[in-house]
Protein backbone atom coordinates (compact mmCIF):
# COMPACT_ATOMS: atom_id res chain seq x y z
CA MET A 1 -46.55 6.96 53.16
CA ALA A 2 -43.71 8.69 51.35
CA LEU A 3 -44.31 11.93 53.23
CA ARG A 4 -43.24 10.42 56.52
CA SER A 5 -39.79 11.48 57.57
CA GLY A 6 -37.25 9.16 58.97
CA GLY A 7 -36.01 5.82 57.73
CA HIS A 8 -37.25 3.71 54.89
CA TYR A 9 -40.91 2.90 54.95
CA LEU A 10 -40.26 -0.54 53.45
CA GLY A 11 -38.63 -3.11 55.64
CA ALA A 12 -35.59 -5.09 54.62
CA MET A 13 -36.41 -7.80 52.11
CA PRO A 14 -35.24 -11.24 53.17
CA LEU A 15 -32.78 -13.02 50.86
CA PRO A 16 -33.79 -16.46 49.61
CA ARG A 17 -32.27 -19.37 51.45
CA PRO A 18 -29.39 -21.01 49.55
CA ALA A 19 -30.35 -24.20 47.79
CA PRO A 20 -28.65 -27.42 48.83
CA PRO A 21 -26.15 -28.91 46.33
CA ARG A 22 -28.50 -31.81 45.56
CA VAL A 23 -31.17 -29.40 44.30
CA LEU A 24 -28.61 -27.45 42.27
CA LEU A 25 -27.39 -30.64 40.59
CA GLN A 26 -30.99 -31.69 39.79
CA ASP A 27 -31.68 -28.28 38.27
CA LEU A 28 -28.49 -28.42 36.20
CA ARG A 29 -29.31 -31.95 35.02
CA ALA A 30 -32.82 -30.85 33.97
CA PHE A 31 -31.42 -27.83 32.11
CA MET A 32 -28.87 -29.98 30.28
CA ALA A 33 -31.50 -32.54 29.30
CA GLU A 34 -33.51 -29.86 27.45
CA ARG A 35 -30.61 -28.91 25.13
CA THR A 36 -30.24 -30.41 21.67
CA ARG A 37 -26.98 -31.60 20.11
CA HIS A 38 -26.46 -28.54 17.93
CA GLN A 39 -26.97 -26.26 20.95
CA TRP A 40 -24.19 -28.10 22.79
CA ILE A 41 -21.88 -27.77 19.79
CA ALA A 42 -22.66 -24.05 19.51
CA ALA A 43 -22.12 -23.60 23.25
CA PHE A 44 -18.76 -25.36 23.03
CA PHE A 45 -17.57 -23.05 20.25
CA ALA A 46 -19.00 -20.00 22.03
CA VAL A 47 -16.79 -20.79 25.01
CA PHE A 48 -13.78 -22.29 23.19
CA MET A 49 -13.12 -19.54 20.62
CA PRO A 50 -12.80 -16.56 23.01
CA ALA A 51 -10.78 -18.69 25.42
CA ALA A 52 -8.42 -19.72 22.61
CA ILE A 53 -8.01 -16.10 21.52
CA LEU A 54 -7.19 -15.02 25.08
CA VAL A 55 -4.67 -17.83 25.47
CA LEU A 56 -3.01 -16.89 22.18
CA PHE A 57 -2.76 -13.24 23.25
CA VAL A 58 -1.09 -14.27 26.51
CA VAL A 59 1.34 -16.62 24.73
CA ASP A 60 2.14 -14.03 22.07
CA GLY A 61 2.73 -11.39 24.70
CA ARG A 62 5.41 -13.52 26.33
CA THR A 63 7.40 -14.37 23.20
CA ASN A 64 10.26 -12.37 21.72
CA ILE A 65 10.09 -9.60 24.29
CA ASP A 66 13.64 -9.89 25.55
CA PRO A 67 16.38 -8.50 23.33
CA GLY A 68 18.91 -11.04 22.22
CA GLU A 69 22.43 -11.15 23.51
CA GLN A 70 24.42 -8.22 22.16
CA VAL A 71 28.18 -8.14 21.87
CA ILE A 72 29.85 -4.73 21.83
CA PHE A 73 33.51 -4.48 20.90
CA VAL A 74 35.41 -1.59 22.45
CA GLU A 75 38.86 -0.52 21.45
CA SER A 76 41.17 0.51 24.23
CA TRP A 77 43.54 3.34 23.45
CA SER A 78 46.21 4.89 25.57
CA GLY A 79 45.59 8.43 26.71
CA SER A 80 49.00 9.58 25.48
CA ARG A 81 48.25 9.17 21.76
CA THR A 82 49.15 12.06 19.52
CA ASP A 83 46.77 13.62 17.03
CA ALA A 84 48.84 12.17 14.19
CA GLU A 85 48.38 8.64 15.54
CA ILE A 86 44.63 9.19 15.86
CA ARG A 87 44.39 10.46 12.25
CA ALA A 88 46.47 7.54 10.97
CA ALA A 89 44.21 5.02 12.74
CA GLN A 90 41.12 6.77 11.32
CA GLN A 91 42.56 6.61 7.79
CA VAL A 92 43.29 2.88 8.18
CA ARG A 93 39.70 2.22 9.34
CA GLN A 94 38.34 4.35 6.49
CA ARG A 95 40.34 2.35 3.91
CA GLU A 96 39.04 -0.91 5.44
CA ARG A 97 35.44 0.36 5.19
CA GLU A 98 35.95 1.44 1.56
CA ARG A 99 37.46 -1.97 0.69
CA ALA A 100 34.52 -3.80 2.31
CA GLU A 101 32.03 -1.55 0.51
CA ALA A 102 33.76 -2.11 -2.85
CA GLU A 103 33.69 -5.89 -2.28
CA ARG A 104 29.99 -5.75 -1.42
CA ARG A 105 29.28 -3.71 -4.60
CA ARG A 106 31.29 -6.22 -6.66
CA GLN A 107 29.27 -9.13 -5.23
CA TRP A 108 25.94 -7.42 -5.94
CA LYS A 109 27.11 -6.55 -9.46
CA ALA A 110 27.94 -10.24 -10.02
CA VAL A 111 24.44 -11.18 -8.85
CA GLY A 112 22.95 -8.56 -11.18
CA ASP A 113 25.03 -9.83 -14.11
CA ARG A 114 23.85 -13.42 -13.48
CA LEU A 115 20.21 -12.24 -13.42
CA GLY A 116 20.70 -10.04 -16.48
CA ILE A 117 19.94 -6.77 -14.70
CA ASP A 118 21.58 -3.66 -16.14
CA PRO A 119 22.68 -1.01 -13.60
């Protein structure tokens, strides 16, 4: 039979006719009647746990993904400033930074003194 050339030597197999909904419901009812209580509990958890994990992944993926509002301060300077004015402004900003850093060090030293930590 297999040596013949041409098309398939087996004809097309017919598909089973679809069952009516009444028969499907009877079959489902019979299947459910055979299950014990602990099988239903296990089936519930077998479906619930992966579904809960998937839902949590989706919820977690949608939280905290947008950066918060960010405020950027920009100083506007005239284009006709001299180099001396630029250096003077830089020195003023540097003194302000040094003062803030010294204040921060003083505060941390006070915390260390209260806790009895030697530097």
